């Protein structure tokens, strides 16, 4: 009797978009975690179709469309290349930088901010989002250098460009 939403059906109908978005975020976190679930292929297909139907029913684009997958991958590659170019310009080889340094340097550049959010797959912009994005481009190469993103003093993550040595094994 003390249930917060006594009219649960109406609440779910009124909040279905928010509930679905939250559920999808939980799903994405579950998929990217290292936890493995044991289930048969038929159960996965049932679940996949259930989620897909819910997404389409809520008015979102079908996430399984092949043309969207290709386009997203292309956009990600282009965005990553843009970030590498920007980082190389603002933090040239020989300099070290932290997430906060990158965050501060971005300033009011809304386009660049959106690119970092997209790479980090986050909706808000913060130094944590910058760190997450930097972690995804760690090891990327640009103009004969490789992006390094490692733990520095006091456990802080530090970035820098390392010259690629072709003579290493």
C-alpha atoms as a PDB file:
ATOM      1  CA  UNK A   1       0.000   0.000   0.000  1.00  0.00           C
ATOM      2  CA  UNK A   2       2.950   2.343   0.520  1.00  0.00           C
ATOM      3  CA  UNK A   3       4.127   1.869  -3.073  1.00  0.00           C
ATOM      4  CA  UNK A   4       5.309   5.187  -4.527  1.00  0.00           C
ATOM      5  CA  UNK A   5       3.395   4.796  -7.806  1.00  0.00           C
ATOM      6  CA  UNK A   6       0.010   3.243  -7.023  1.00  0.00           C
ATOM      7  CA  UNK A   7      -1.024   3.769 -10.663  1.00  0.00           C
ATOM      8  CA  UNK A   8       1.944   1.904 -12.097  1.00  0.00           C
ATOM      9  CA  UNK A   9       0.492   1.387 -15.583  1.00  0.00           C
ATOM     10  CA  UNK A  10      -0.152   5.122 -16.067  1.00  0.00           C
ATOM     11  CA  UNK A  11       3.275   5.977 -14.672  1.00  0.00           C
ATOM     12  CA  UNK A  12       5.021   3.587 -17.069  1.00  0.00           C
ATOM     13  CA  UNK A  13       3.040   4.922 -20.029  1.00  0.00           C
ATOM     14  CA  UNK A  14       3.798   8.539 -19.116  1.00  0.00           C
ATOM     15  CA  UNK A  15       7.487   7.863 -18.480  1.00  0.00           C
ATOM     16  CA  UNK A  16       8.105   5.158 -21.093  1.00  0.00           C
ATOM     17  CA  UNK A  17      10.705   7.188 -23.001  1.00  0.00           C
ATOM     18  CA  UNK A  18      12.733   7.959 -19.844  1.00  0.00           C
ATOM     19  CA  UNK A  19      12.421   4.382 -18.600  1.00  0.00           C
ATOM     20  CA  UNK A  20      13.529   3.008 -21.947  1.00  0.00           C
ATOM     21  CA  UNK A  21      16.533   5.336 -22.124  1.00  0.00           C
ATOM     22  CA  UNK A  22      17.563   4.305 -18.623  1.00  0.00           C
ATOM     23  CA  UNK A  23      17.123   0.626 -19.463  1.00  0.00           C
ATOM     24  CA  UNK A  24      19.229   1.000 -22.591  1.00  0.00           C
ATOM     25  CA  UNK A  25      21.993   2.698 -20.607  1.00  0.00           C
ATOM     26  CA  UNK A  26      21.950  -0.224 -18.162  1.00  0.00           C
ATOM     27  CA  UNK A  27      22.107  -2.654 -21.080  1.00  0.00           C
ATOM     28  CA  UNK A  28      25.059  -0.828 -22.635  1.00  0.00           C
ATOM     29  CA  UNK A  29      26.897  -0.825 -19.319  1.00  0.00           C
ATOM     30  CA  UNK A  30      26.192  -4.529 -18.982  1.00  0.00           C
ATOM     31  CA  UNK A  31      27.457  -5.248 -22.469  1.00  0.00           C
ATOM     32  CA  UNK A  32      30.682  -3.325 -21.958  1.00  0.00           C
ATOM     33  CA  UNK A  33      31.396  -4.872 -18.562  1.00  0.00           C
ATOM     34  CA  UNK A  34      33.685  -7.863 -18.196  1.00  0.00           C
ATOM     35  CA  UNK A  35      30.924  -9.957 -16.636  1.00  0.00           C
ATOM     36  CA  UNK A  36      29.923 -12.892 -18.819  1.00  0.00           C
ATOM     37  CA  UNK A  37      26.472 -14.371 -18.742  1.00  0.00           C
ATOM     38  CA  UNK A  38      25.672 -17.962 -19.575  1.00  0.00           C
ATOM     39  CA  UNK A  39      22.681 -18.283 -21.855  1.00  0.00           C
ATOM     40  CA  UNK A  40      21.767 -20.189 -24.966  1.00  0.00           C
ATOM     41  CA  UNK A  41      21.636 -18.548 -28.383  1.00  0.00           C
ATOM     42  CA  UNK A  42      17.837 -18.742 -28.588  1.00  0.00           C
ATOM     43  CA  UNK A  43      17.462 -16.786 -25.329  1.00  0.00           C
ATOM     44  CA  UNK A  44      19.816 -14.104 -26.651  1.00  0.00           C
ATOM     45  CA  UNK A  45      17.854 -13.764 -29.884  1.00  0.00           C
ATOM     46  CA  UNK A  46      14.604 -13.513 -27.927  1.00  0.00           C
ATOM     47  CA  UNK A  47      16.083 -10.787 -25.727  1.00  0.00           C
ATOM     48  CA  UNK A  48      17.616  -8.985 -28.718  1.00  0.00           C
ATOM     49  CA  UNK A  49      14.286  -8.912 -30.540  1.00  0.00           C
ATOM     50  CA  UNK A  50      12.484  -7.800 -27.386  1.00  0.00           C
ATOM     51  CA  UNK A  51      14.843  -4.838 -26.909  1.00  0.00           C
ATOM     52  CA  UNK A  52      14.780  -4.003 -30.615  1.00  0.00           C
ATOM     53  CA  UNK A  53      10.969  -3.924 -30.675  1.00  0.00           C
ATOM     54  CA  UNK A  54      10.911  -1.711 -27.584  1.00  0.00           C
ATOM     55  CA  UNK A  55      13.372   0.743 -29.128  1.00  0.00           C
ATOM     56  CA  UNK A  56      11.406   1.001 -32.367  1.00  0.00           C
ATOM     57  CA  UNK A  57       8.085   1.237 -30.484  1.00  0.00           C
ATOM     58  CA  UNK A  58       9.435   4.185 -28.480  1.00  0.00           C
ATOM     59  CA  UNK A  59      10.142   6.056 -31.690  1.00  0.00           C
ATOM     60  CA  UNK A  60      13.908   5.543 -31.801  1.00  0.00           C
ATOM     61  CA  UNK A  61      15.752   4.352 -34.900  1.00  0.00           C
ATOM     62  CA  UNK A  62      16.157   0.587 -35.225  1.00  0.00           C
ATOM     63  CA  UNK A  63      19.655  -0.051 -33.747  1.00  0.00           C
ATOM     64  CA  UNK A  64      20.186  -3.151 -35.886  1.00  0.00           C
ATOM     65  CA  UNK A  65      20.035  -1.389 -39.255  1.00  0.00           C
ATOM     66  CA  UNK A  66      23.237  -2.260 -41.108  1.00  0.00           C
ATOM     67  CA  UNK A  67      23.502   1.171 -42.780  1.00  0.00           C
ATOM     68  CA  UNK A  68      23.541   2.877 -39.382  1.00  0.00           C
ATOM     69  CA  UNK A  69      26.304   0.639 -38.052  1.00  0.00           C
ATOM     70  CA  UNK A  70      28.569   1.517 -40.972  1.00  0.00           C
ATOM     71  CA  UNK A  71      27.855   5.224 -40.717  1.00  0.00           C
ATOM     72  CA  UNK A  72      28.507   5.326 -36.975  1.00  0.00           C
ATOM     73  CA  UNK A  73      31.846   3.557 -37.424  1.00  0.00           C
ATOM     74  CA  UNK A  74      32.845   6.053 -40.144  1.00  0.00           C
ATOM     75  CA  UNK A  75      31.789   8.995 -37.986  1.00  0.00           C
ATOM     76  CA  UNK A  76      33.752   7.623 -35.027  1.00  0.00           C
ATOM     77  CA  UNK A  77      36.909   7.276 -37.147  1.00  0.00           C
ATOM     78  CA  UNK A  78      36.532  10.816 -38.456  1.00  0.00           C
ATOM     79  CA  UNK A  79      35.894  12.185 -34.961  1.00  0.00           C
ATOM     80  CA  UNK A  80      38.930  10.349 -33.559  1.00  0.00           C
ATOM     81  CA  UNK A  81      41.119  11.740 -36.336  1.00  0.00           C
ATOM     82  CA  UNK A  82      39.878  15.260 -35.566  1.00  0.00           C
ATOM     83  CA  UNK A  83      40.662  14.842 -31.877  1.00  0.00           C
ATOM     84  CA  UNK A  84      44.148  13.518 -32.622  1.00  0.00           C
ATOM     85  CA  UNK A  85      44.839  16.487 -34.898  1.00  0.00           C
ATOM     86  CA  UNK A  86      43.588  18.933 -32.252  1.00  0.00           C
ATOM     87  CA  UNK A  87      45.602  17.258 -29.475  1.00  0.00           C
ATOM     88  CA  UNK A  88      48.765  17.239 -31.597  1.00  0.00           C
ATOM     89  CA  UNK A  89      48.358  20.964 -32.258  1.00  0.00           C
ATOM     90  CA  UNK A  90      47.551  22.025 -28.680  1.00  0.00           C
ATOM     91  CA  UNK A  91      49.765  19.521 -26.836  1.00  0.00           C
ATOM     92  CA  UNK A  92      52.718  18.933 -29.183  1.00  0.00           C
ATOM     93  CA  UNK A  93      55.330  16.208 -28.696  1.00  0.00           C
ATOM     94  CA  UNK A  94      57.424  16.870 -25.617  1.00  0.00           C
ATOM     95  CA  UNK A  95      54.544  18.172 -23.516  1.00  0.00           C
ATOM     96  CA  UNK A  96      52.574  16.216 -20.928  1.00  0.00           C
ATOM     97  CA  UNK A  97      48.925  16.894 -20.196  1.00  0.00           C
ATOM     98  CA  UNK A  98      46.057  15.789 -17.971  1.00  0.00           C
ATOM     99  CA  UNK A  99      42.318  15.565 -18.570  1.00  0.00           C
ATOM    100  CA  UNK A 100      41.883  18.907 -16.817  1.00  0.00           C
ATOM    101  CA  UNK A 101      44.388  20.530 -19.205  1.00  0.00           C
ATOM    102  CA  UNK A 102      42.483  19.235 -22.228  1.00  0.00           C
ATOM    103  CA  UNK A 103      39.151  20.243 -20.659  1.00  0.00           C
ATOM    104  CA  UNK A 104      40.419  23.785 -20.021  1.00  0.00           C
ATOM    105  CA  UNK A 105      41.910  24.141 -23.504  1.00  0.00           C
ATOM    106  CA  UNK A 106      38.642  23.121 -25.199  1.00  0.00           C
ATOM    107  CA  UNK A 107      37.016  26.153 -23.639  1.00  0.00           C
ATOM    108  CA  UNK A 108      33.801  27.124 -25.397  1.00  0.00           C
ATOM    109  CA  UNK A 109      34.336  25.030 -28.522  1.00  0.00           C
ATOM    110  CA  UNK A 110      30.957  23.261 -28.515  1.00  0.00           C
ATOM    111  CA  UNK A 111      31.761  21.160 -31.574  1.00  0.00           C
ATOM    112  CA  UNK A 112      34.922  19.746 -30.024  1.00  0.00           C
ATOM    113  CA  UNK A 113      33.093  19.219 -26.746  1.00  0.00           C
ATOM    114  CA  UNK A 114      30.461  17.163 -28.596  1.00  0.00           C
ATOM    115  CA  UNK A 115      33.155  15.103 -30.303  1.00  0.00           C
ATOM    116  CA  UNK A 116      34.724  14.246 -26.936  1.00  0.00           C
ATOM    117  CA  UNK A 117      31.283  13.327 -25.553  1.00  0.00           C
ATOM    118  CA  UNK A 118      30.634  11.097 -28.577  1.00  0.00           C
ATOM    119  CA  UNK A 119      33.998   9.333 -28.281  1.00  0.00           C
ATOM    120  CA  UNK A 120      33.430   8.793 -24.560  1.00  0.00           C
ATOM    121  CA  UNK A 121      29.791   7.852 -25.226  1.00  0.00           C
ATOM    122  CA  UNK A 122      28.532  10.265 -22.567  1.00  0.00           C
ATOM    123  CA  UNK A 123      25.834  12.949 -22.522  1.00  0.00           C
ATOM    124  CA  UNK A 124      27.529  15.504 -20.293  1.00  0.00           C
ATOM    125  CA  UNK A 125      30.935  17.124 -20.566  1.00  0.00           C
ATOM    126  CA  UNK A 126      33.503  17.012 -17.755  1.00  0.00           C
ATOM    127  CA  UNK A 127      37.139  16.161 -17.080  1.00  0.00           C
ATOM    128  CA  UNK A 128      36.004  12.558 -16.505  1.00  0.00           C
ATOM    129  CA  UNK A 129      34.490  12.475 -20.000  1.00  0.00           C
ATOM    130  CA  UNK A 130      37.761  13.836 -21.395  1.00  0.00           C
ATOM    131  CA  UNK A 131      39.672  11.088 -19.558  1.00  0.00           C
ATOM    132  CA  UNK A 132      37.328   8.422 -20.872  1.00  0.00           C
ATOM    133  CA  UNK A 133      37.700   9.721 -24.425  1.00  0.00           C
ATOM    134  CA  UNK A 134      41.479   9.891 -24.048  1.00  0.00           C
ATOM    135  CA  UNK A 135      41.521   6.302 -22.835  1.00  0.00           C
ATOM    136  CA  UNK A 136      39.736   5.184 -26.011  1.00  0.00           C
ATOM    137  CA  UNK A 137      42.322   6.851 -28.259  1.00  0.00           C
ATOM    138  CA  UNK A 138      45.319   5.619 -26.291  1.00  0.00           C
ATOM    139  CA  UNK A 139      47.776   4.017 -28.710  1.00  0.00           C
ATOM    140  CA  UNK A 140      46.432   5.919 -31.728  1.00  0.00           C
ATOM    141  CA  UNK A 141      49.048   7.150 -34.186  1.00  0.00           C
ATOM    142  CA  UNK A 142      49.325  10.589 -35.725  1.00  0.00           C
ATOM    143  CA  UNK A 143      52.203  12.147 -37.726  1.00  0.00           C
ATOM    144  CA  UNK A 144      54.770   9.541 -36.682  1.00  0.00           C
ATOM    145  CA  UNK A 145      53.788   9.662 -33.004  1.00  0.00           C
ATOM    146  CA  UNK A 146      51.713   7.423 -30.767  1.00  0.00           C
ATOM    147  CA  UNK A 147      49.306   8.736 -28.131  1.00  0.00           C
ATOM    148  CA  UNK A 148      50.290   7.584 -24.661  1.00  0.00           C
ATOM    149  CA  UNK A 149      47.804   7.826 -21.800  1.00  0.00           C
ATOM    150  CA  UNK A 150      49.324   6.393 -18.645  1.00  0.00           C
ATOM    151  CA  UNK A 151      49.256   6.782 -14.897  1.00  0.00           C
ATOM    152  CA  UNK A 152      51.639   9.476 -13.741  1.00  0.00           C
ATOM    153  CA  UNK A 153      52.604  10.772 -10.311  1.00  0.00           C
ATOM    154  CA  UNK A 154      49.986  10.544  -7.571  1.00  0.00           C
ATOM    155  CA  UNK A 155      47.904   8.171  -9.712  1.00  0.00           C
ATOM    156  CA  UNK A 156      46.909  10.885 -12.203  1.00  0.00           C
ATOM    157  CA  UNK A 157      46.478   9.974 -15.844  1.00  0.00           C
ATOM    158  CA  UNK A 158      48.911  11.812 -18.110  1.00  0.00           C
ATOM    159  CA  UNK A 159      48.975  12.041 -21.861  1.00  0.00           C
ATOM    160  CA  UNK A 160      51.857  12.658 -24.222  1.00  0.00           C
ATOM    161  CA  UNK A 161      52.990  11.893 -27.723  1.00  0.00           C
ATOM    162  CA  UNK A 162      55.751   9.319 -28.127  1.00  0.00           C
ATOM    163  CA  UNK A 163      57.807   9.109 -31.286  1.00  0.00           C
ATOM    164  CA  UNK A 164      57.168   5.807 -33.069  1.00  0.00           C
ATOM    165  CA  UNK A 165      60.393   3.833 -33.318  1.00  0.00           C
ATOM    166  CA  UNK A 166      60.117   1.554 -36.359  1.00  0.00           C
ATOM    167  CA  UNK A 167      63.119  -0.495 -35.179  1.00  0.00           C
ATOM    168  CA  UNK A 168      61.352  -1.906 -32.120  1.00  0.00           C
ATOM    169  CA  UNK A 169      60.093  -5.493 -32.145  1.00  0.00           C
END
